[in-house]
Amino acid sequence: MKKLIILSFSMFLAIITSALSKDFKINDVEKIGFQKGDQQFYQMIGAIDGWGGTLDGDTVEVYIFESKKKINDAFFKSQVPGDTWKDYCTKDNVALISKGKNACKLLKKLK
């Protein structure tokens, strides 16, 4: 009985967690104004897609991961703040690094 309760609770948490996060694609980021430029070497950091471009006047790189848990947080935090990249943010399975401070504010509005 105890195992059944634990299993049921685990399944409930998995369902709730997946319902609260969304798996975005690059075209979802384009809907908030991202203008694609060059495709990046996204595989090197474990992403499934990645593009350079602009968002809200900032030069950015946007990376799409299989899930939020797969984002290579240590890599991005090692880049920001630095001489080139000034801001880093995530929204569900999307990671963004920016040369300015506007793009992350806009990424938070991604739906």
PDB file of N, CA and C in Angstrom:
ATOM      1  N   MET A   1       0.817  -1.191   0.000  1.00  0.00           N
ATOM      2  CA  MET A   1       0.000   0.000   0.000  1.00  0.00           C
ATOM      3  C   MET A   1       0.866   1.263   0.000  1.00  0.00           C
ATOM      4  N   LYS A   2       1.928   1.237   0.808  1.00  0.00           N
ATOM      5  CA  LYS A   2       2.821   2.384   0.885  1.00  0.00           C
ATOM      6  C   LYS A   2       3.475   2.646  -0.476  1.00  0.00           C
ATOM      7  N   LYS A   3       3.872   1.585  -1.173  1.00  0.00           N
ATOM      8  CA  LYS A   3       4.486   1.735  -2.493  1.00  0.00           C
ATOM      9  C   LYS A   3       3.498   2.330  -3.491  1.00  0.00           C
ATOM     10  N   LEU A   4       2.251   1.938  -3.391  1.00  0.00           N
ATOM     11  CA  LEU A   4       1.218   2.461  -4.287  1.00  0.00           C
ATOM     12  C   LEU A   4       1.010   3.956  -4.056  1.00  0.00           C
ATOM     13  N   ILE A   5       1.018   4.379  -2.822  1.00  0.00           N
ATOM     14  CA  ILE A   5       0.860   5.805  -2.498  1.00  0.00           C
ATOM     15  C   ILE A   5       2.051   6.602  -3.027  1.00  0.00           C
ATOM     16  N   ILE A   6       3.242   6.091  -2.823  1.00  0.00           N
ATOM     17  CA  ILE A   6       4.449   6.777  -3.309  1.00  0.00           C
ATOM     18  C   ILE A   6       4.438   6.849  -4.829  1.00  0.00           C
ATOM     19  N   LEU A   7       4.075   5.774  -5.482  1.00  0.00           N
ATOM     20  CA  LEU A   7       4.006   5.751  -6.944  1.00  0.00           C
ATOM     21  C   LEU A   7       2.959   6.740  -7.454  1.00  0.00           C
ATOM     22  N   SER A   8       1.807   6.755  -6.819  1.00  0.00           N
ATOM     23  CA  SER A   8       0.746   7.687  -7.224  1.00  0.00           C
ATOM     24  C   SER A   8       1.183   9.136  -7.047  1.00  0.00           C
ATOM     25  N   PHE A   9       1.826   9.436  -5.928  1.00  0.00           N
ATOM     26  CA  PHE A   9       2.305  10.785  -5.670  1.00  0.00           C
ATOM     27  C   PHE A   9       3.374  11.195  -6.678  1.00  0.00           C
ATOM     28  N   SER A  10       4.272  10.271  -7.012  1.00  0.00           N
ATOM     29  CA  SER A  10       5.330  10.550  -8.003  1.00  0.00           C
ATOM     30  C   SER A  10       4.724  10.851  -9.366  1.00  0.00           C
ATOM     31  N   MET A  11       3.723  10.086  -9.757  1.00  0.00           N
ATOM     32  CA  MET A  11       3.067  10.319 -11.042  1.00  0.00           C
ATOM     33  C   MET A  11       2.355  11.672 -11.041  1.00  0.00           C
ATOM     34  N   PHE A  12       1.723  12.010  -9.931  1.00  0.00           N
ATOM     35  CA  PHE A  12       1.046  13.295  -9.803  1.00  0.00           C
ATOM     36  C   PHE A  12       2.032  14.449  -9.961  1.00  0.00           C
ATOM     37  N   LEU A  13       3.176  14.361  -9.304  1.00  0.00           N
ATOM     38  CA  LEU A  13       4.203  15.400  -9.416  1.00  0.00           C
ATOM     39  C   LEU A  13       4.727  15.516 -10.839  1.00  0.00           C
ATOM     40  N   ALA A  14       4.925  14.402 -11.509  1.00  0.00           N
ATOM     41  CA  ALA A  14       5.414  14.419 -12.896  1.00  0.00           C
ATOM     42  C   ALA A  14       4.419  15.111 -13.819  1.00  0.00           C
ATOM     43  N   ILE A  15       3.152  14.841 -13.617  1.00  0.00           N
ATOM     44  CA  ILE A  15       2.104  15.461 -14.442  1.00  0.00           C
ATOM     45  C   ILE A  15       2.041  16.961 -14.183  1.00  0.00           C
ATOM     46  N   ILE A  16       2.071  17.355 -12.922  1.00  0.00           N
ATOM     47  CA  ILE A  16       2.016  18.774 -12.565  1.00  0.00           C
ATOM     48  C   ILE A  16       3.236  19.510 -13.114  1.00  0.00           C
ATOM     49  N   THR A  17       4.423  18.935 -12.963  1.00  0.00           N
ATOM     50  CA  THR A  17       5.651  19.567 -13.437  1.00  0.00           C
ATOM     51  C   THR A  17       5.622  19.769 -14.936  1.00  0.00           C
ATOM     52  N   SER A  18       5.193  18.756 -15.683  1.00  0.00           N
ATOM     53  CA  SER A  18       5.152  18.892 -17.139  1.00  0.00           C
ATOM     54  C   SER A  18       4.083  19.890 -17.575  1.00  0.00           C
ATOM     55  N   ALA A  19       3.026  20.022 -16.813  1.00  0.00           N
ATOM     56  CA  ALA A  19       1.968  20.975 -17.161  1.00  0.00           C
ATOM     57  C   ALA A  19       2.406  22.415 -16.912  1.00  0.00           C
ATOM     58  N   LEU A  20       3.326  22.616 -15.971  1.00  0.00           N
ATOM     59  CA  LEU A  20       3.766  23.962 -15.635  1.00  0.00           C
ATOM     60  C   LEU A  20       4.850  24.500 -16.566  1.00  0.00           C
ATOM     61  N   SER A  21       5.541  23.619 -17.288  1.00  0.00           N
ATOM     62  CA  SER A  21       6.588  24.086 -18.196  1.00  0.00           C
ATOM     63  C   SER A  21       6.186  23.775 -19.628  1.00  0.00           C
ATOM     64  N   LYS A  22       6.712  24.588 -20.529  1.00  0.00           N
ATOM     65  CA  LYS A  22       6.392  24.411 -21.934  1.00  0.00           C
ATOM     66  C   LYS A  22       7.683  24.200 -22.701  1.00  0.00           C
ATOM     67  N   ASP A  23       7.636  23.360 -23.697  1.00  0.00           N
ATOM     68  CA  ASP A  23       8.796  23.163 -24.557  1.00  0.00           C
ATOM     69  C   ASP A  23       8.672  24.098 -25.746  1.00  0.00           C
ATOM     70  N   PHE A  24       9.495  25.148 -25.740  1.00  0.00           N
ATOM     71  CA  PHE A  24       9.466  26.133 -26.805  1.00  0.00           C
ATOM     72  C   PHE A  24      10.374  25.721 -27.952  1.00  0.00           C
ATOM     73  N   LYS A  25      10.109  26.279 -29.116  1.00  0.00           N
ATOM     74  CA  LYS A  25      10.945  26.111 -30.303  1.00  0.00           C
ATOM     75  C   LYS A  25      11.400  27.503 -30.719  1.00  0.00           C
ATOM     76  N   ILE A  26      12.340  27.552 -31.639  1.00  0.00           N
ATOM     77  CA  ILE A  26      12.895  28.840 -32.052  1.00  0.00           C
ATOM     78  C   ILE A  26      11.820  29.754 -32.643  1.00  0.00           C
ATOM     79  N   ASN A  27      10.827  29.184 -33.322  1.00  0.00           N
ATOM     80  CA  ASN A  27       9.778  30.040 -33.902  1.00  0.00           C
ATOM     81  C   ASN A  27       8.926  30.703 -32.821  1.00  0.00           C
ATOM     82  N   ASP A  28       8.856  30.109 -31.629  1.00  0.00           N
ATOM     83  CA  ASP A  28       8.157  30.764 -30.519  1.00  0.00           C
ATOM     84  C   ASP A  28       8.908  32.029 -30.085  1.00  0.00           C
ATOM     85  N   VAL A  29      10.227  31.965 -30.098  1.00  0.00           N
ATOM     86  CA  VAL A  29      11.039  33.125 -29.730  1.00  0.00           C
ATOM     87  C   VAL A  29      10.933  34.194 -30.823  1.00  0.00           C
ATOM     88  N   GLU A  30      10.788  33.768 -32.065  1.00  0.00           N
ATOM     89  CA  GLU A  30      10.600  34.726 -33.162  1.00  0.00           C
ATOM     90  C   GLU A  30       9.292  35.510 -32.986  1.00  0.00           C
ATOM     91  N   LYS A  31       8.308  34.893 -32.386  1.00  0.00           N
ATOM     92  CA  LYS A  31       7.018  35.563 -32.180  1.00  0.00           C
ATOM     93  C   LYS A  31       7.116  36.758 -31.230  1.00  0.00           C
ATOM     94  N   ILE A  32       8.148  36.783 -30.385  1.00  0.00           N
ATOM     95  CA  ILE A  32       8.320  37.932 -29.489  1.00  0.00           C
ATOM     96  C   ILE A  32       9.345  38.926 -30.051  1.00  0.00           C
ATOM     97  N   GLY A  33       9.743  38.724 -31.314  1.00  0.00           N
ATOM     98  CA  GLY A  33      10.603  39.698 -31.982  1.00  0.00           C
ATOM     99  C   GLY A  33      12.015  39.258 -32.301  1.00  0.00           C
ATOM    100  N   PHE A  34      12.383  38.031 -31.973  1.00  0.00           N
ATOM    101  CA  PHE A  34      13.735  37.550 -32.282  1.00  0.00           C
ATOM    102  C   PHE A  34      13.933  37.487 -33.792  1.00  0.00           C
ATOM    103  N   GLN A  35      15.021  38.098 -34.256  1.00  0.00           N
ATOM    104  CA  GLN A  35      15.391  38.069 -35.670  1.00  0.00           C
ATOM    105  C   GLN A  35      16.600  37.149 -35.814  1.00  0.00           C
ATOM    106  N   LYS A  36      16.396  36.006 -36.488  1.00  0.00           N
ATOM    107  CA  LYS A  36      17.473  35.032 -36.654  1.00  0.00           C
ATOM    108  C   LYS A  36      18.579  35.570 -37.544  1.00  0.00           C
ATOM    109  N   GLY A  37      19.801  35.220 -37.165  1.00  0.00           N
ATOM    110  CA  GLY A  37      20.979  35.492 -37.972  1.00  0.00           C
ATOM    111  C   GLY A  37      21.620  34.168 -38.345  1.00  0.00           C
ATOM    112  N   ASP A  38      22.777  33.896 -37.772  1.00  0.00           N
ATOM    113  CA  ASP A  38      23.520  32.671 -38.072  1.00  0.00           C
ATOM    114  C   ASP A  38      23.182  31.561 -37.085  1.00  0.00           C
ATOM    115  N   GLN A  39      23.130  30.334 -37.621  1.00  0.00           N
ATOM    116  CA  GLN A  39      22.930  29.191 -36.740  1.00  0.00           C
ATOM    117  C   GLN A  39      24.216  28.938 -35.965  1.00  0.00           C
ATOM    118  N   GLN A  40      24.082  28.608 -34.691  1.00  0.00           N
ATOM    119  CA  GLN A  40      25.220  28.401 -33.799  1.00  0.00           C
ATOM    120  C   GLN A  40      25.579  26.918 -33.702  1.00  0.00           C
ATOM    121  N   PHE A  41      26.760  26.638 -33.158  1.00  0.00           N
ATOM    122  CA  PHE A  41      27.192  25.256 -32.912  1.00  0.00           C
ATOM    123  C   PHE A  41      26.570  24.771 -31.603  1.00  0.00           C
ATOM    124  N   TYR A  42      25.264  24.626 -31.629  1.00  0.00           N
ATOM    125  CA  TYR A  42      24.485  24.329 -30.424  1.00  0.00           C
ATOM    126  C   TYR A  42      24.764  22.959 -29.840  1.00  0.00           C
ATOM    127  N   GLN A  43      25.187  21.999 -30.668  1.00  0.00           N
ATOM    128  CA  GLN A  43      25.420  20.638 -30.170  1.00  0.00           C
ATOM    129  C   GLN A  43      26.541  20.599 -29.137  1.00  0.00           C
ATOM    130  N   MET A  44      27.477  21.527 -29.251  1.00  0.00           N
ATOM    131  CA  MET A  44      28.631  21.541 -28.345  1.00  0.00           C
ATOM    132  C   MET A  44      28.230  21.786 -26.891  1.00  0.00           C
ATOM    133  N   ILE A  45      27.075  22.398 -26.675  1.00  0.00           N
ATOM    134  CA  ILE A  45      26.632  22.669 -25.296  1.00  0.00           C
ATOM    135  C   ILE A  45      25.400  21.847 -24.928  1.00  0.00           C
ATOM    136  N   GLY A  46      25.055  20.879 -25.768  1.00  0.00           N
ATOM    137  CA  GLY A  46      23.949  19.977 -25.447  1.00  0.00           C
ATOM    138  C   GLY A  46      22.574  20.466 -25.855  1.00  0.00           C
ATOM    139  N   ALA A  47      22.511  21.546 -26.640  1.00  0.00           N
ATOM    140  CA  ALA A  47      21.215  22.064 -27.085  1.00  0.00           C
ATOM    141  C   ALA A  47      20.730  21.299 -28.317  1.00  0.00           C
ATOM    142  N   ILE A  48      19.447  21.472 -28.646  1.00  0.00           N
ATOM    143  CA  ILE A  48      18.893  20.837 -29.840  1.00  0.00           C
ATOM    144  C   ILE A  48      18.713  21.837 -30.981  1.00  0.00           C
ATOM    145  N   ASP A  49      18.901  23.131 -30.695  1.00  0.00           N
ATOM    146  CA  ASP A  49      18.853  24.181 -31.714  1.00  0.00           C
ATOM    147  C   ASP A  49      19.509  25.424 -31.126  1.00  0.00           C
ATOM    148  N   GLY A  50      20.043  26.268 -31.975  1.00  0.00           N
ATOM    149  CA  GLY A  50      20.672  27.487 -31.489  1.00  0.00           C
ATOM    150  C   GLY A  50      20.925  28.476 -32.609  1.00  0.00           C
ATOM    151  N   TRP A  51      20.610  29.735 -32.347  1.00  0.00           N
ATOM    152  CA  TRP A  51      20.739  30.788 -33.349  1.00  0.00           C
ATOM    153  C   TRP A  51      21.285  32.058 -32.725  1.00  0.00           C
ATOM    154  N   GLY A  52      22.083  32.779 -33.491  1.00  0.00           N
ATOM    155  CA  GLY A  52      22.470  34.134 -33.157  1.00  0.00           C
ATOM    156  C   GLY A  52      21.484  35.065 -33.830  1.00  0.00           C
ATOM    157  N   GLY A  53      21.382  36.280 -33.344  1.00  0.00           N
ATOM    158  CA  GLY A  53      20.481  37.251 -33.950  1.00  0.00           C
ATOM    159  C   GLY A  53      20.288  38.445 -33.049  1.00  0.00           C
ATOM    160  N   THR A  54      19.127  39.076 -33.179  1.00  0.00           N
ATOM    161  CA  THR A  54      18.819  40.241 -32.350  1.00  0.00           C
ATOM    162  C   THR A  54      17.434  40.086 -31.721  1.00  0.00           C
ATOM    163  N   LEU A  55      17.293  40.675 -30.546  1.00  0.00           N
ATOM    164  CA  LEU A  55      16.015  40.704 -29.845  1.00  0.00           C
ATOM    165  C   LEU A  55      15.951  42.014 -29.071  1.00  0.00           C
ATOM    166  N   ASP A  56      14.968  42.816 -29.386  1.00  0.00           N
ATOM    167  CA  ASP A  56      14.749  44.109 -28.738  1.00  0.00           C
ATOM    168  C   ASP A  56      16.009  44.987 -28.769  1.00  0.00           C
ATOM    169  N   GLY A  57      16.694  44.968 -29.903  1.00  0.00           N
ATOM    170  CA  GLY A  57      17.882  45.795 -30.089  1.00  0.00           C
ATOM    171  C   GLY A  57      19.172  45.196 -29.570  1.00  0.00           C
ATOM    172  N   ASP A  58      19.097  44.081 -28.859  1.00  0.00           N
ATOM    173  CA  ASP A  58      20.291  43.419 -28.322  1.00  0.00           C
ATOM    174  C   ASP A  58      20.774  42.331 -29.272  1.00  0.00           C
ATOM    175  N   THR A  59      22.081  42.199 -29.401  1.00  0.00           N
ATOM    176  CA  THR A  59      22.668  41.050 -30.081  1.00  0.00           C
ATOM    177  C   THR A  59      22.605  39.880 -29.103  1.00  0.00           C
ATOM    178  N   VAL A  60      22.045  38.750 -29.552  1.00  0.00           N
ATOM    179  CA  VAL A  60      21.811  37.615 -28.654  1.00  0.00           C
ATOM    180  C   VAL A  60      22.180  36.297 -29.326  1.00  0.00           C
ATOM    181  N   GLU A  61      22.298  35.281 -28.512  1.00  0.00           N
ATOM    182  CA  GLU A  61      22.303  33.889 -28.954  1.00  0.00           C
ATOM    183  C   GLU A  61      21.202  33.189 -28.170  1.00  0.00           C
ATOM    184  N   VAL A  62      20.364  32.449 -28.889  1.00  0.00           N
ATOM    185  CA  VAL A  62      19.238  31.733 -28.292  1.00  0.00           C
ATOM    186  C   VAL A  62      19.458  30.241 -28.510  1.00  0.00           C
ATOM    187  N   TYR A  63      19.332  29.478 -27.447  1.00  0.00           N
ATOM    188  CA  TYR A  63      19.521  28.030 -27.509  1.00  0.00           C
ATOM    189  C   TYR A  63      18.275  27.325 -26.992  1.00  0.00           C
ATOM    190  N   ILE A  64      17.870  26.288 -27.708  1.00  0.00           N
ATOM    191  CA  ILE A  64      16.717  25.469 -27.328  1.00  0.00           C
ATOM    192  C   ILE A  64      17.238  24.121 -26.834  1.00  0.00           C
ATOM    193  N   PHE A  65      16.759  23.700 -25.679  1.00  0.00           N
ATOM    194  CA  PHE A  65      17.161  22.424 -25.082  1.00  0.00           C
ATOM    195  C   PHE A  65      15.964  21.483 -25.033  1.00  0.00           C
ATOM    196  N   GLU A  66      16.239  20.197 -24.857  1.00  0.00           N
ATOM    197  CA  GLU A  66      15.164  19.200 -24.764  1.00  0.00           C
ATOM    198  C   GLU A  66      14.219  19.525 -23.615  1.00  0.00           C
ATOM    199  N   SER A  67      14.781  20.010 -22.524  1.00  0.00           N
ATOM    200  CA  SER A  67      13.980  20.361 -21.351  1.00  0.00           C
ATOM    201  C   SER A  67      14.754  21.385 -20.527  1.00  0.00           C
ATOM    202  N   LYS A  68      14.075  21.970 -19.572  1.00  0.00           N
ATOM    203  CA  LYS A  68      14.715  22.936 -18.678  1.00  0.00           C
ATOM    204  C   LYS A  68      15.883  22.306 -17.936  1.00  0.00           C
ATOM    205  N   LYS A  69      15.739  21.056 -17.559  1.00  0.00           N
ATOM    206  CA  LYS A  69      16.781  20.350 -16.807  1.00  0.00           C
ATOM    207  C   LYS A  69      18.053  20.137 -17.630  1.00  0.00           C
ATOM    208  N   LYS A  70      17.949  20.161 -18.946  1.00  0.00           N
ATOM    209  CA  LYS A  70      19.096  19.904 -19.814  1.00  0.00           C
ATOM    210  C   LYS A  70      19.925  21.160 -20.109  1.00  0.00           C
ATOM    211  N   ILE A  71      19.449  22.330 -19.694  1.00  0.00           N
ATOM    212  CA  ILE A  71      20.187  23.572 -19.964  1.00  0.00           C
ATOM    213  C   ILE A  71      21.546  23.515 -19.268  1.00  0.00           C
ATOM    214  N   ASN A  72      22.579  23.848 -20.016  1.00  0.00           N
ATOM    215  CA  ASN A  72      23.953  23.835 -19.527  1.00  0.00           C
ATOM    216  C   ASN A  72      24.226  25.136 -18.761  1.00  0.00           C
ATOM    217  N   ASP A  73      23.643  25.235 -17.592  1.00  0.00           N
ATOM    218  CA  ASP A  73      23.693  26.449 -16.789  1.00  0.00           C
ATOM    219  C   ASP A  73      25.128  26.879 -16.473  1.00  0.00           C
ATOM    220  N   ALA A  74      25.986  25.934 -16.172  1.00  0.00           N
ATOM    221  CA  ALA A  74      27.377  26.254 -15.829  1.00  0.00           C
ATOM    222  C   ALA A  74      28.082  26.932 -17.000  1.00  0.00           C
ATOM    223  N   PHE A  75      27.828  26.473 -18.213  1.00  0.00           N
ATOM    224  CA  PHE A  75      28.446  27.090 -19.388  1.00  0.00           C
ATOM    225  C   PHE A  75      28.025  28.549 -19.512  1.00  0.00           C
ATOM    226  N   PHE A  76      26.727  28.807 -19.448  1.00  0.00           N
ATOM    227  CA  PHE A  76      26.227  30.171 -19.627  1.00  0.00           C
ATOM    228  C   PHE A  76      26.701  31.099 -18.508  1.00  0.00           C
ATOM    229  N   LYS A  77      26.700  30.608 -17.288  1.00  0.00           N
ATOM    230  CA  LYS A  77      27.148  31.435 -16.172  1.00  0.00           C
ATOM    231  C   LYS A  77      28.641  31.747 -16.261  1.00  0.00           C
ATOM    232  N   SER A  78      29.402  30.894 -16.965  1.00  0.00           N
ATOM    233  CA  SER A  78      30.827  31.170 -17.150  1.00  0.00           C
ATOM    234  C   SER A  78      31.050  32.268 -18.194  1.00  0.00           C
ATOM    235  N   GLN A  79      30.057  32.547 -19.014  1.00  0.00           N
ATOM    236  CA  GLN A  79      30.156  33.551 -20.064  1.00  0.00           C
ATOM    237  C   GLN A  79      29.689  34.942 -19.637  1.00  0.00           C
ATOM    238  N   VAL A  80      28.837  34.982 -18.615  1.00  0.00           N
ATOM    239  CA  VAL A  80      28.170  36.230 -18.231  1.00  0.00           C
ATOM    240  C   VAL A  80      28.415  36.517 -16.754  1.00  0.00           C
ATOM    241  N   PRO A  81      28.702  37.717 -16.334  1.00  0.00           N
ATOM    242  CA  PRO A  81      29.039  38.841 -17.203  1.00  0.00           C
ATOM    243  C   PRO A  81      30.480  38.727 -17.655  1.00  0.00           C
ATOM    244  N   GLY A  82      30.731  39.217 -18.833  1.00  0.00           N
ATOM    245  CA  GLY A  82      32.066  39.175 -19.407  1.00  0.00           C
ATOM    246  C   GLY A  82      32.268  40.344 -20.344  1.00  0.00           C
ATOM    247  N   ASP A  83      33.339  40.283 -21.105  1.00  0.00           N
ATOM    248  CA  ASP A  83      33.626  41.358 -22.050  1.00  0.00           C
ATOM    249  C   ASP A  83      32.613  41.392 -23.183  1.00  0.00           C
ATOM    250  N   THR A  84      32.104  40.234 -23.566  1.00  0.00           N
ATOM    251  CA  THR A  84      31.173  40.151 -24.690  1.00  0.00           C
ATOM    252  C   THR A  84      29.726  40.080 -24.236  1.00  0.00           C
ATOM    253  N   TRP A  85      29.411  39.116 -23.374  1.00  0.00           N
ATOM    254  CA  TRP A  85      28.027  38.864 -22.965  1.00  0.00           C
ATOM    255  C   TRP A  85      27.732  39.547 -21.650  1.00  0.00           C
ATOM    256  N   LYS A  86      26.606  40.260 -21.603  1.00  0.00           N
ATOM    257  CA  LYS A  86      26.242  41.039 -20.415  1.00  0.00           C
ATOM    258  C   LYS A  86      25.105  40.439 -19.603  1.00  0.00           C
ATOM    259  N   ASP A  87      24.274  39.570 -20.231  1.00  0.00           N
ATOM    260  CA  ASP A  87      23.094  39.056 -19.535  1.00  0.00           C
ATOM    261  C   ASP A  87      22.822  37.625 -19.969  1.00  0.00           C
ATOM    262  N   TYR A  88      22.283  36.847 -19.054  1.00  0.00           N
ATOM    263  CA  TYR A  88      21.912  35.450 -19.303  1.00  0.00           C
ATOM    264  C   TYR A  88      20.579  35.197 -18.622  1.00  0.00           C
ATOM    265  N   CYS A  89      19.680  34.507 -19.342  1.00  0.00           N
ATOM    266  CA  CYS A  89      18.387  34.173 -18.745  1.00  0.00           C
ATOM    267  C   CYS A  89      17.835  32.911 -19.403  1.00  0.00           C
ATOM    268  N   THR A  90      16.851  32.335 -18.734  1.00  0.00           N
ATOM    269  CA  THR A  90      16.181  31.154 -19.268  1.00  0.00           C
ATOM    270  C   THR A  90      14.674  31.325 -19.132  1.00  0.00           C
ATOM    271  N   LYS A  91      13.970  30.608 -19.962  1.00  0.00           N
ATOM    272  CA  LYS A  91      12.510  30.496 -19.859  1.00  0.00           C
ATOM    273  C   LYS A  91      12.183  29.078 -20.292  1.00  0.00           C
ATOM    274  N   ASP A  92      11.789  28.255 -19.356  1.00  0.00           N
ATOM    275  CA  ASP A  92      11.532  26.835 -19.589  1.00  0.00           C
ATOM    276  C   ASP A  92      12.738  26.200 -20.278  1.00  0.00           C
ATOM    277  N   ASN A  93      12.626  25.746 -21.531  1.00  0.00           N
ATOM    278  CA  ASN A  93      13.739  25.060 -22.191  1.00  0.00           C
ATOM    279  C   ASN A  93      14.567  25.978 -23.089  1.00  0.00           C
ATOM    280  N   VAL A  94      14.418  27.295 -22.938  1.00  0.00           N
ATOM    281  CA  VAL A  94      15.145  28.276 -23.746  1.00  0.00           C
ATOM    282  C   VAL A  94      16.203  28.954 -22.888  1.00  0.00           C
ATOM    283  N   ALA A  95      17.426  29.046 -23.428  1.00  0.00           N
ATOM    284  CA  ALA A  95      18.497  29.804 -22.783  1.00  0.00           C
ATOM    285  C   ALA A  95      18.919  30.911 -23.731  1.00  0.00           C
ATOM    286  N   LEU A  96      19.195  32.088 -23.178  1.00  0.00           N
ATOM    287  CA  LEU A  96      19.553  33.244 -23.987  1.00  0.00           C
ATOM    288  C   LEU A  96      20.713  33.974 -23.330  1.00  0.00           C
ATOM    289  N   ILE A  97      21.709  34.332 -24.141  1.00  0.00           N
ATOM    290  CA  ILE A  97      22.764  35.225 -23.684  1.00  0.00           C
ATOM    291  C   ILE A  97      22.711  36.465 -24.563  1.00  0.00           C
ATOM    292  N   SER A  98      22.987  37.608 -23.946  1.00  0.00           N
ATOM    293  CA  SER A  98      22.776  38.876 -24.630  1.00  0.00           C
ATOM    294  C   SER A  98      23.928  39.840 -24.390  1.00  0.00           C
ATOM    295  N   LYS A  99      24.184  40.679 -25.398  1.00  0.00           N
ATOM    296  CA  LYS A  99      25.183  41.732 -25.261  1.00  0.00           C
ATOM    297  C   LYS A  99      24.581  42.985 -24.641  1.00  0.00           C
ATOM    298  N   GLY A 100      23.281  42.990 -24.404  1.00  0.00           N
ATOM    299  CA  GLY A 100      22.591  44.124 -23.789  1.00  0.00           C
ATOM    300  C   GLY A 100      21.736  43.668 -22.628  1.00  0.00           C
ATOM    301  N   LYS A 101      20.864  44.537 -22.182  1.00  0.00           N
ATOM    302  CA  LYS A 101      20.028  44.235 -21.014  1.00  0.00           C
ATOM    303  C   LYS A 101      18.534  44.187 -21.340  1.00  0.00           C
ATOM    304  N   ASN A 102      18.154  44.295 -22.617  1.00  0.00           N
ATOM    305  CA  ASN A 102      16.732  44.332 -22.975  1.00  0.00           C
ATOM    306  C   ASN A 102      16.142  42.952 -23.272  1.00  0.00           C
ATOM    307  N   ALA A 103      16.910  42.082 -23.888  1.00  0.00           N
ATOM    308  CA  ALA A 103      16.382  40.819 -24.404  1.00  0.00           C
ATOM    309  C   ALA A 103      15.819  39.914 -23.314  1.00  0.00           C
ATOM    310  N   CYS A 104      16.476  39.845 -22.175  1.00  0.00           N
ATOM    311  CA  CYS A 104      15.996  38.960 -21.103  1.00  0.00           C
ATOM    312  C   CYS A 104      14.644  39.428 -20.568  1.00  0.00           C
ATOM    313  N   LYS A 105      14.422  40.725 -20.535  1.00  0.00           N
ATOM    314  CA  LYS A 105      13.136  41.237 -20.086  1.00  0.00           C
ATOM    315  C   LYS A 105      12.026  40.765 -21.036  1.00  0.00           C
ATOM    316  N   LEU A 106      12.335  40.754 -22.318  1.00  0.00           N
ATOM    317  CA  LEU A 106      11.353  40.322 -23.315  1.00  0.00           C
ATOM    318  C   LEU A 106      11.149  38.807 -23.288  1.00  0.00           C
ATOM    319  N   LEU A 107      12.233  38.045 -23.046  1.00  0.00           N
ATOM    320  CA  LEU A 107      12.113  36.585 -23.002  1.00  0.00           C
ATOM    321  C   LEU A 107      11.138  36.140 -21.919  1.00  0.00           C
ATOM    322  N   LYS A 108      11.089  36.860 -20.816  1.00  0.00           N
ATOM    323  CA  LYS A 108      10.171  36.501 -19.725  1.00  0.00           C
ATOM    324  C   LYS A 108       8.707  36.525 -20.167  1.00  0.00           C
ATOM    325  N   LYS A 109       8.400  37.258 -21.238  1.00  0.00           N
ATOM    326  CA  LYS A 109       7.028  37.357 -21.744  1.00  0.00           C
ATOM    327  C   LYS A 109       6.670  36.225 -22.701  1.00  0.00           C
ATOM    328  N   LEU A 110       7.620  35.338 -22.969  1.00  0.00           N
ATOM    329  CA  LEU A 110       7.384  34.216 -23.885  1.00  0.00           C
ATOM    330  C   LEU A 110       6.274  33.320 -23.351  1.00  0.00           C
ATOM    331  N   LYS A 111       5.278  33.031 -24.213  1.00  0.00           N
ATOM    332  CA  LYS A 111       4.141  32.190 -23.806  1.00  0.00           C
ATOM    333  C   LYS A 111       3.963  31.057 -24.763  1.00  0.00           C
TER     334      LYS A 111
END
